[in-house]
N, C-alpha and C. Protein backbone atom coordinates (compact mmCIF):
# COMPACT_ATOMS: atom_id res chain seq x y z
N MET A 1 0.04 -55.25 -26.23
CA MET A 1 -0.42 -56.13 -27.09
C MET A 1 -0.04 -56.03 -28.34
N ALA A 2 0.29 -57.03 -29.13
CA ALA A 2 0.78 -57.26 -30.33
C ALA A 2 -0.24 -57.09 -31.26
N GLU A 3 -0.29 -56.23 -32.25
CA GLU A 3 -1.26 -56.09 -33.36
C GLU A 3 -0.72 -57.15 -34.27
N ALA A 4 -1.83 -57.63 -34.96
CA ALA A 4 -1.73 -58.52 -36.17
C ALA A 4 -1.24 -58.10 -37.34
N THR A 5 -0.32 -58.54 -37.90
CA THR A 5 0.37 -57.92 -39.13
C THR A 5 -0.21 -58.79 -40.16
N THR A 6 -0.51 -57.94 -41.50
CA THR A 6 -0.81 -58.45 -42.65
C THR A 6 0.11 -58.89 -43.43
N GLU A 7 -0.03 -60.17 -44.03
CA GLU A 7 1.24 -60.48 -44.93
C GLU A 7 0.44 -60.27 -46.34
N PHE A 8 1.49 -60.01 -47.34
CA PHE A 8 1.07 -59.87 -48.72
C PHE A 8 1.93 -60.72 -49.19
N ARG A 9 1.47 -61.76 -49.97
CA ARG A 9 2.24 -62.98 -50.77
C ARG A 9 1.86 -63.08 -52.19
N ALA A 10 3.06 -63.64 -52.71
CA ALA A 10 3.01 -63.78 -54.14
C ALA A 10 3.67 -65.28 -54.39
N VAL A 11 3.23 -66.02 -55.22
CA VAL A 11 4.01 -67.28 -55.35
C VAL A 11 4.05 -67.65 -57.15
N ALA A 12 5.24 -68.08 -57.14
CA ALA A 12 5.56 -68.42 -58.77
C ALA A 12 5.89 -70.11 -58.72
N LYS A 13 5.05 -70.73 -59.52
CA LYS A 13 5.53 -72.04 -59.32
C LYS A 13 5.85 -72.61 -60.86
N TRP A 14 6.50 -73.60 -60.73
CA TRP A 14 7.23 -74.28 -61.98
C TRP A 14 8.17 -73.32 -62.72
N ILE A 15 9.15 -72.62 -61.81
CA ILE A 15 10.17 -71.82 -62.42
C ILE A 15 11.22 -72.79 -62.79
N ARG A 16 11.79 -72.45 -63.86
CA ARG A 16 12.95 -73.38 -64.46
C ARG A 16 14.06 -72.98 -64.21
N VAL A 17 14.46 -72.87 -62.67
CA VAL A 17 15.61 -72.84 -62.21
C VAL A 17 15.82 -73.51 -60.92
N SER A 18 16.78 -74.23 -60.58
CA SER A 18 16.99 -75.23 -59.49
C SER A 18 16.71 -74.38 -58.07
N PRO A 19 16.00 -75.06 -56.99
CA PRO A 19 15.59 -74.45 -56.03
C PRO A 19 16.97 -73.73 -55.08
N GLN A 20 18.08 -74.79 -55.33
CA GLN A 20 19.52 -74.09 -54.71
C GLN A 20 19.84 -73.06 -55.22
N LYS A 21 19.73 -72.75 -56.57
CA LYS A 21 20.15 -71.53 -57.25
C LYS A 21 19.20 -70.32 -56.75
N ALA A 22 18.06 -70.73 -56.75
CA ALA A 22 16.87 -69.54 -56.03
C ALA A 22 17.36 -69.16 -54.99
N ARG A 23 17.68 -70.26 -53.93
CA ARG A 23 17.78 -69.65 -52.81
C ARG A 23 19.04 -68.64 -52.46
N LEU A 24 20.00 -68.70 -53.35
CA LEU A 24 21.06 -68.05 -53.27
C LEU A 24 20.74 -66.37 -53.68
N VAL A 25 19.71 -66.35 -54.52
CA VAL A 25 19.14 -65.10 -54.69
C VAL A 25 18.26 -64.47 -53.61
N LEU A 26 17.41 -65.52 -53.04
CA LEU A 26 16.47 -65.11 -52.19
C LEU A 26 17.24 -64.88 -50.75
N ASP A 27 18.37 -65.41 -50.42
CA ASP A 27 19.21 -65.20 -49.22
C ASP A 27 19.56 -63.50 -49.27
N LEU A 28 19.75 -62.97 -50.30
CA LEU A 28 20.07 -61.59 -50.42
C LEU A 28 19.10 -60.49 -50.11
N ILE A 29 17.73 -61.06 -50.13
CA ILE A 29 16.70 -59.84 -49.87
C ILE A 29 15.92 -60.22 -48.66
N LYS A 30 16.17 -61.54 -47.96
CA LYS A 30 15.43 -61.86 -46.66
C LYS A 30 15.60 -60.69 -45.69
N GLY A 31 14.69 -60.14 -45.06
CA GLY A 31 14.51 -59.11 -44.05
C GLY A 31 14.75 -57.72 -44.55
N ARG A 32 15.00 -57.50 -45.70
CA ARG A 32 15.26 -56.14 -46.23
C ARG A 32 13.94 -55.47 -46.57
N ARG A 33 14.15 -54.03 -46.61
CA ARG A 33 13.04 -53.29 -47.15
C ARG A 33 12.69 -53.64 -48.58
N VAL A 34 11.44 -53.43 -48.97
CA VAL A 34 11.22 -53.76 -50.32
C VAL A 34 11.88 -52.80 -51.38
N GLU A 35 12.11 -51.59 -51.05
CA GLU A 35 12.98 -50.87 -52.18
C GLU A 35 14.20 -51.13 -52.20
N ASP A 36 15.02 -51.67 -51.22
CA ASP A 36 16.38 -51.95 -50.87
C ASP A 36 16.42 -53.44 -51.74
N ALA A 37 15.40 -54.25 -51.41
CA ALA A 37 15.52 -55.46 -52.22
C ALA A 37 15.29 -55.49 -53.67
N LEU A 38 14.49 -54.40 -54.21
CA LEU A 38 14.25 -54.33 -55.60
C LEU A 38 15.52 -53.67 -56.34
N ASN A 39 16.29 -52.80 -55.54
CA ASN A 39 17.49 -52.53 -55.93
C ASN A 39 18.63 -53.71 -56.07
N THR A 40 18.58 -54.45 -55.18
CA THR A 40 19.66 -55.36 -54.86
C THR A 40 19.40 -56.36 -56.02
N LEU A 41 18.21 -56.56 -56.29
CA LEU A 41 17.92 -57.67 -57.31
C LEU A 41 18.07 -57.04 -58.69
N SER A 42 18.12 -55.99 -59.02
CA SER A 42 18.26 -55.40 -60.26
C SER A 42 19.73 -55.43 -60.72
N PHE A 43 20.55 -55.47 -59.59
CA PHE A 43 21.97 -55.35 -59.73
C PHE A 43 22.67 -56.85 -59.54
N THR A 44 21.83 -57.88 -59.27
CA THR A 44 22.37 -59.18 -59.28
C THR A 44 22.25 -59.71 -60.50
N LYS A 45 23.43 -60.37 -60.85
CA LYS A 45 23.79 -61.14 -62.04
C LYS A 45 23.28 -62.47 -62.20
N LYS A 46 22.55 -63.13 -61.17
CA LYS A 46 21.96 -64.44 -61.23
C LYS A 46 20.64 -64.46 -61.99
N ARG A 47 20.72 -65.72 -62.84
CA ARG A 47 19.54 -65.89 -63.69
C ARG A 47 18.19 -65.64 -62.99
N ALA A 48 18.17 -66.46 -61.65
CA ALA A 48 16.88 -66.40 -60.96
C ALA A 48 16.50 -65.10 -60.44
N ALA A 49 17.41 -64.07 -60.43
CA ALA A 49 17.31 -62.63 -59.96
C ALA A 49 16.12 -61.98 -60.78
N GLY A 50 15.80 -62.21 -61.92
CA GLY A 50 14.90 -61.40 -62.95
C GLY A 50 13.58 -62.02 -62.28
N GLN A 51 13.67 -63.50 -62.28
CA GLN A 51 12.18 -63.94 -61.74
C GLN A 51 11.72 -63.47 -60.43
N VAL A 52 12.57 -63.58 -59.37
CA VAL A 52 12.53 -63.16 -58.21
C VAL A 52 11.87 -61.46 -58.12
N HIS A 53 12.60 -60.96 -58.92
CA HIS A 53 12.27 -59.32 -58.85
C HIS A 53 10.99 -59.15 -59.45
N LYS A 54 10.40 -60.02 -60.53
CA LYS A 54 9.12 -59.82 -60.91
C LYS A 54 7.97 -60.29 -59.73
N LEU A 55 8.39 -61.53 -59.12
CA LEU A 55 7.79 -62.15 -58.01
C LEU A 55 7.49 -61.06 -57.15
N LEU A 56 8.60 -60.23 -56.52
CA LEU A 56 8.62 -59.36 -55.37
C LEU A 56 7.66 -57.94 -55.86
N ARG A 57 7.69 -57.78 -57.30
CA ARG A 57 6.95 -56.63 -57.86
C ARG A 57 5.32 -56.96 -57.60
N SER A 58 4.96 -58.36 -58.03
CA SER A 58 3.80 -58.78 -57.86
C SER A 58 3.22 -58.65 -56.29
N ALA A 59 4.21 -59.23 -55.46
CA ALA A 59 3.86 -59.09 -53.91
C ALA A 59 3.40 -57.77 -53.47
N LEU A 60 4.23 -56.89 -54.11
CA LEU A 60 3.89 -55.26 -53.75
C LEU A 60 2.98 -54.86 -54.38
N ASP A 61 2.32 -55.39 -55.68
CA ASP A 61 1.09 -54.92 -56.31
C ASP A 61 -0.03 -55.60 -55.56
N ASN A 62 0.11 -56.54 -54.99
CA ASN A 62 -1.01 -57.20 -54.13
C ASN A 62 -1.24 -56.21 -52.79
N ALA A 63 -0.19 -55.88 -52.09
CA ALA A 63 -0.04 -55.03 -51.14
C ALA A 63 -0.98 -53.75 -51.57
N ASN A 64 -0.46 -53.09 -52.81
CA ASN A 64 -0.98 -51.81 -53.24
C ASN A 64 -2.45 -51.94 -53.48
N PHE A 65 -3.08 -53.14 -53.99
CA PHE A 65 -4.44 -53.57 -54.46
C PHE A 65 -5.21 -53.61 -53.11
N LEU A 66 -4.64 -54.36 -52.07
CA LEU A 66 -5.50 -54.05 -50.83
C LEU A 66 -5.53 -52.93 -50.13
N SER A 67 -4.46 -52.09 -50.42
CA SER A 67 -4.48 -50.86 -49.68
C SER A 67 -5.61 -49.79 -50.22
N THR A 68 -5.70 -49.91 -51.55
CA THR A 68 -6.27 -49.04 -52.30
C THR A 68 -8.12 -49.53 -52.72
N GLU A 69 -7.99 -50.65 -52.97
CA GLU A 69 -9.41 -51.43 -53.34
C GLU A 69 -10.23 -51.87 -52.07
N LYS A 70 -9.42 -52.29 -51.27
CA LYS A 70 -10.15 -53.09 -50.05
C LYS A 70 -10.02 -52.29 -48.76
N GLY A 71 -9.35 -51.40 -48.83
CA GLY A 71 -9.46 -50.44 -47.53
C GLY A 71 -8.61 -50.97 -46.39
N VAL A 72 -7.47 -51.75 -46.70
CA VAL A 72 -6.60 -52.06 -45.72
C VAL A 72 -5.60 -50.99 -45.38
N ASP A 73 -5.26 -50.71 -44.19
CA ASP A 73 -4.49 -49.62 -43.95
C ASP A 73 -2.78 -50.08 -43.88
N VAL A 74 -2.31 -50.05 -45.13
CA VAL A 74 -0.78 -50.26 -45.37
C VAL A 74 -0.10 -49.13 -45.70
N ASP A 75 1.02 -48.92 -45.02
CA ASP A 75 2.08 -48.12 -45.61
C ASP A 75 2.98 -48.81 -46.35
N LEU A 76 3.24 -48.52 -47.64
CA LEU A 76 3.90 -49.37 -48.62
C LEU A 76 5.35 -49.06 -48.31
N ASP A 77 5.58 -47.99 -47.67
CA ASP A 77 7.14 -47.55 -47.30
C ASP A 77 7.64 -48.41 -46.27
N ASN A 78 6.90 -48.99 -45.47
CA ASN A 78 7.32 -49.68 -44.31
C ASN A 78 7.12 -51.14 -44.41
N LEU A 79 6.91 -51.76 -45.73
CA LEU A 79 7.16 -53.14 -46.17
C LEU A 79 8.39 -53.87 -46.07
N PHE A 80 8.50 -54.76 -45.84
CA PHE A 80 9.87 -55.62 -45.90
C PHE A 80 9.57 -57.00 -46.46
N VAL A 81 10.62 -57.61 -46.82
CA VAL A 81 10.53 -58.89 -47.12
C VAL A 81 10.55 -59.96 -45.72
N LYS A 82 9.33 -60.48 -45.40
CA LYS A 82 9.33 -61.19 -44.16
C LYS A 82 9.72 -62.70 -44.56
N ARG A 83 9.49 -63.23 -45.63
CA ARG A 83 9.76 -64.68 -45.90
C ARG A 83 9.92 -64.84 -47.46
N ALA A 84 11.05 -65.62 -47.83
CA ALA A 84 11.25 -65.98 -49.20
C ALA A 84 11.87 -67.04 -49.06
N VAL A 85 11.12 -68.13 -49.95
CA VAL A 85 11.19 -69.47 -49.93
C VAL A 85 11.14 -70.24 -51.22
N ALA A 86 12.30 -71.03 -51.47
CA ALA A 86 12.21 -71.64 -52.99
C ALA A 86 12.06 -73.21 -52.58
N ASN A 87 10.83 -73.81 -52.78
CA ASN A 87 10.87 -75.20 -52.53
C ASN A 87 11.04 -76.03 -53.87
N ASP A 88 11.19 -77.20 -53.71
CA ASP A 88 11.40 -78.33 -55.15
C ASP A 88 9.97 -78.28 -55.99
N GLY A 89 10.20 -77.97 -57.02
CA GLY A 89 9.04 -78.47 -57.88
C GLY A 89 9.17 -79.76 -58.70
N PRO A 90 8.33 -80.24 -59.50
CA PRO A 90 8.41 -81.56 -60.12
C PRO A 90 9.92 -81.76 -61.12
N ARG A 91 10.23 -82.65 -61.13
CA ARG A 91 11.67 -82.62 -61.86
C ARG A 91 11.39 -83.38 -63.19
N MET A 92 11.70 -82.65 -64.30
CA MET A 92 11.73 -83.39 -65.57
C MET A 92 12.97 -84.36 -65.84
N LYS A 93 12.60 -85.56 -66.31
CA LYS A 93 13.66 -86.51 -66.33
C LYS A 93 14.19 -86.29 -68.01
N ARG A 94 15.18 -86.43 -68.21
CA ARG A 94 15.79 -86.49 -69.48
C ARG A 94 16.87 -87.42 -69.83
N ILE A 95 17.08 -87.88 -71.20
CA ILE A 95 18.01 -88.84 -71.53
C ILE A 95 19.01 -88.07 -72.41
N ARG A 96 20.14 -88.12 -72.28
CA ARG A 96 21.25 -87.58 -73.31
C ARG A 96 21.91 -88.92 -73.87
N PRO A 97 22.06 -89.03 -75.21
CA PRO A 97 22.78 -90.07 -75.86
C PRO A 97 24.17 -90.15 -75.37
N ALA A 98 24.64 -91.33 -75.21
CA ALA A 98 26.13 -91.58 -74.67
C ALA A 98 26.87 -92.47 -75.51
N PRO A 99 28.09 -92.53 -75.78
CA PRO A 99 28.87 -93.57 -76.42
C PRO A 99 28.30 -94.91 -76.56
N GLN A 100 28.77 -95.67 -77.44
CA GLN A 100 28.41 -96.95 -77.38
C GLN A 100 26.90 -97.62 -77.16
N GLY A 101 25.90 -96.80 -77.70
CA GLY A 101 24.76 -97.03 -77.43
C GLY A 101 24.07 -96.91 -75.96
N ARG A 102 24.86 -96.18 -75.20
CA ARG A 102 24.21 -96.16 -73.80
C ARG A 102 23.49 -94.72 -73.68
N ALA A 103 22.97 -94.37 -72.52
CA ALA A 103 22.19 -93.15 -72.30
C ALA A 103 22.55 -92.55 -70.95
N TYR A 104 22.76 -91.37 -70.92
CA TYR A 104 23.05 -90.69 -69.63
C TYR A 104 21.49 -90.09 -69.20
N HIS A 105 21.34 -90.38 -67.91
CA HIS A 105 19.91 -89.91 -67.57
C HIS A 105 20.32 -88.49 -66.48
N TYR A 106 19.58 -87.31 -66.76
CA TYR A 106 19.64 -86.31 -65.92
C TYR A 106 18.41 -85.69 -65.64
N GLN A 107 18.24 -84.91 -64.60
CA GLN A 107 17.05 -84.26 -64.18
C GLN A 107 17.15 -82.82 -64.32
N ARG A 108 16.07 -82.28 -64.75
CA ARG A 108 15.87 -80.81 -65.21
C ARG A 108 15.03 -80.41 -63.93
N ARG A 109 15.66 -79.31 -62.89
CA ARG A 109 14.69 -79.21 -61.85
C ARG A 109 13.94 -78.03 -61.80
N THR A 110 13.06 -77.87 -61.18
CA THR A 110 12.25 -76.63 -61.21
C THR A 110 11.90 -76.23 -59.80
N SER A 111 11.31 -74.92 -59.52
CA SER A 111 11.24 -74.75 -58.24
C SER A 111 9.72 -73.90 -58.09
N HIS A 112 9.36 -74.01 -56.83
CA HIS A 112 8.19 -73.04 -56.54
C HIS A 112 8.77 -71.86 -55.59
N ILE A 113 8.57 -70.74 -55.83
CA ILE A 113 9.21 -69.77 -55.30
C ILE A 113 7.95 -68.85 -54.60
N GLU A 114 8.41 -68.54 -53.20
CA GLU A 114 7.15 -67.72 -52.55
C GLU A 114 7.69 -66.52 -51.72
N VAL A 115 7.14 -65.42 -52.17
CA VAL A 115 7.67 -64.14 -51.35
C VAL A 115 6.70 -63.59 -50.39
N ALA A 116 6.81 -63.35 -49.11
CA ALA A 116 5.87 -62.71 -48.16
C ALA A 116 6.23 -61.36 -47.66
N LEU A 117 5.45 -60.30 -47.89
CA LEU A 117 5.85 -58.97 -47.25
C LEU A 117 5.06 -58.68 -46.17
N ALA A 118 5.67 -58.03 -45.32
CA ALA A 118 4.72 -57.61 -43.92
C ALA A 118 5.36 -56.28 -43.86
N GLU A 119 4.44 -55.43 -42.81
CA GLU A 119 4.63 -54.10 -42.35
C GLU A 119 5.32 -54.14 -41.06
N LYS A 120 6.39 -53.43 -41.00
CA LYS A 120 6.85 -53.17 -39.77
C LYS A 120 6.16 -52.36 -38.79
N PRO A 121 6.18 -52.80 -37.65
CA PRO A 121 5.33 -52.04 -36.81
C PRO A 121 5.65 -50.61 -36.83
N ARG A 122 4.73 -49.62 -36.38
CA ARG A 122 5.30 -48.28 -36.42
C ARG A 122 6.25 -47.89 -35.51
N ALA A 123 6.24 -48.48 -34.41
CA ALA A 123 7.37 -47.90 -33.42
C ALA A 123 8.81 -48.38 -33.92
N GLN A 124 8.77 -49.67 -34.49
CA GLN A 124 10.27 -49.84 -34.96
C GLN A 124 10.68 -49.38 -36.22
N ALA A 125 9.73 -49.01 -37.16
CA ALA A 125 10.04 -48.05 -38.20
C ALA A 125 10.29 -46.73 -37.80
N GLU A 126 9.99 -45.91 -36.69
CA GLU A 126 10.42 -44.72 -36.32
C GLU A 126 11.75 -44.76 -35.65
N GLU A 127 12.01 -45.84 -34.77
CA GLU A 127 13.18 -45.96 -34.06
C GLU A 127 14.22 -46.28 -35.21
N ALA A 128 13.94 -46.99 -36.44
CA ALA A 128 15.12 -47.08 -37.49
C ALA A 128 15.37 -45.96 -38.17
N ALA A 129 14.37 -45.18 -38.33
CA ALA A 129 14.55 -43.80 -39.25
C ALA A 129 15.32 -42.79 -38.52
N GLN A 130 15.14 -42.81 -37.03
CA GLN A 130 15.80 -41.97 -36.44
C GLN A 130 17.40 -42.27 -35.90
N ALA A 131 17.28 -43.84 -35.81
CA ALA A 131 18.72 -44.21 -35.48
C ALA A 131 19.68 -43.62 -36.19
N LYS A 132 20.89 -43.03 -35.47
CA LYS A 132 21.97 -42.65 -36.10
C LYS A 132 23.37 -43.43 -35.88
N PRO A 133 24.36 -43.67 -36.89
CA PRO A 133 25.53 -44.23 -36.58
C PRO A 133 26.41 -43.70 -35.31
N PRO A 134 27.01 -44.53 -34.56
CA PRO A 134 27.77 -44.00 -33.40
C PRO A 134 28.89 -43.03 -33.95
N ALA A 135 29.36 -41.97 -33.08
CA ALA A 135 30.17 -40.93 -33.57
C ALA A 135 31.61 -41.52 -33.53
N ARG A 136 32.35 -41.34 -34.45
CA ARG A 136 33.71 -41.91 -34.52
C ARG A 136 34.72 -41.01 -34.02
N LYS A 137 35.73 -41.34 -33.33
CA LYS A 137 36.87 -40.45 -33.44
C LYS A 137 37.79 -40.40 -34.23
N PRO A 138 38.40 -38.98 -34.48
CA PRO A 138 39.50 -38.78 -35.54
C PRO A 138 40.63 -39.86 -35.31
N ALA A 139 41.03 -40.39 -36.23
CA ALA A 139 42.02 -41.39 -36.55
C ALA A 139 43.38 -40.79 -35.83
N GLY A 140 43.71 -39.48 -36.05
CA GLY A 140 45.05 -38.91 -35.61
C GLY A 140 45.26 -38.41 -34.38
N LYS A 141 44.18 -38.58 -33.49
CA LYS A 141 44.23 -38.03 -32.29
C LYS A 141 44.90 -39.06 -31.19
N LYS A 142 44.81 -40.36 -31.45
CA LYS A 142 45.35 -41.32 -30.65
C LYS A 142 46.70 -41.45 -30.70
N THR A 143 47.11 -41.29 -31.96
CA THR A 143 48.72 -41.43 -32.36
C THR A 143 49.31 -40.34 -31.65
N ALA A 144 48.81 -39.16 -31.81
CA ALA A 144 49.48 -37.82 -30.98
C ALA A 144 49.80 -38.23 -29.51
N GLU A 145 48.64 -38.56 -28.99
CA GLU A 145 48.72 -39.03 -27.56
C GLU A 145 49.69 -39.77 -27.31
N ARG A 146 49.84 -40.95 -27.96
CA ARG A 146 51.03 -41.84 -27.82
C ARG A 146 52.58 -41.29 -27.93
N LYS A 147 52.46 -40.26 -29.09
CA LYS A 147 53.93 -39.63 -29.18
C LYS A 147 54.18 -38.87 -27.94
N GLU A 148 53.13 -38.03 -27.41
CA GLU A 148 53.25 -37.14 -26.37
C GLU A 148 53.63 -38.03 -25.11
N GLY A 149 53.14 -39.12 -24.94
CA GLY A 149 53.53 -40.26 -23.79
C GLY A 149 54.63 -40.69 -23.91
N SER A 150 55.13 -40.91 -24.75
CA SER A 150 56.46 -41.58 -25.07
C SER A 150 57.65 -40.58 -24.71
N ALA A 151 57.39 -39.33 -25.31
CA ALA A 151 58.17 -38.22 -24.90
C ALA A 151 58.25 -37.74 -23.33
N LEU A 152 57.29 -38.12 -22.69
CA LEU A 152 57.28 -37.80 -20.87
C LEU A 152 57.89 -38.73 -20.41
N SER A 153 57.58 -39.99 -21.04
CA SER A 153 58.20 -41.34 -20.20
C SER A 153 59.76 -41.23 -20.23
N ARG A 154 60.33 -40.71 -21.29
CA ARG A 154 61.86 -40.80 -21.25
C ARG A 154 62.59 -39.89 -20.23
N LYS A 155 63.73 -40.35 -19.61
CA LYS A 155 64.22 -39.54 -18.56
C LYS A 155 65.19 -38.38 -19.28
N PRO A 156 65.41 -37.38 -18.90
CA PRO A 156 66.30 -36.29 -19.51
C PRO A 156 67.72 -36.94 -19.19
N ALA A 157 68.53 -36.55 -20.52
CA ALA A 157 69.89 -37.03 -20.58
C ALA A 157 70.82 -36.11 -19.68
């Protein structure tokens, strides 16, 4: 029986960055553990990364508040970014003067960003912690076998 997971959300509205540029940053953190996502955002050079970092900290604080004040059982180390979405906000229409009395129209885009955290089921978290990378063979062993094999295949002169 699947147990219901609690989501911890944070929403930032009217952020002065285009949704397309915000999605580039959000794609970096989707599905990652919160700690890894915060580290990734702190070293990302995009302007939207600072806003997303602040939003992710807010979602983490929401989870912390519910675990301490409201008594919800949450392991903050098992949280991961379940959903990260950037939707269109209202556009601000602007006019730039152009030559010969004309005007260029352009739009300043805004976005509404939402980040949702969830806790990984305990069984998956334990499996991920115990998983080891597969053992690799030493690189030189195979070439030595080839050399021996080629020497044996030759006929004596």
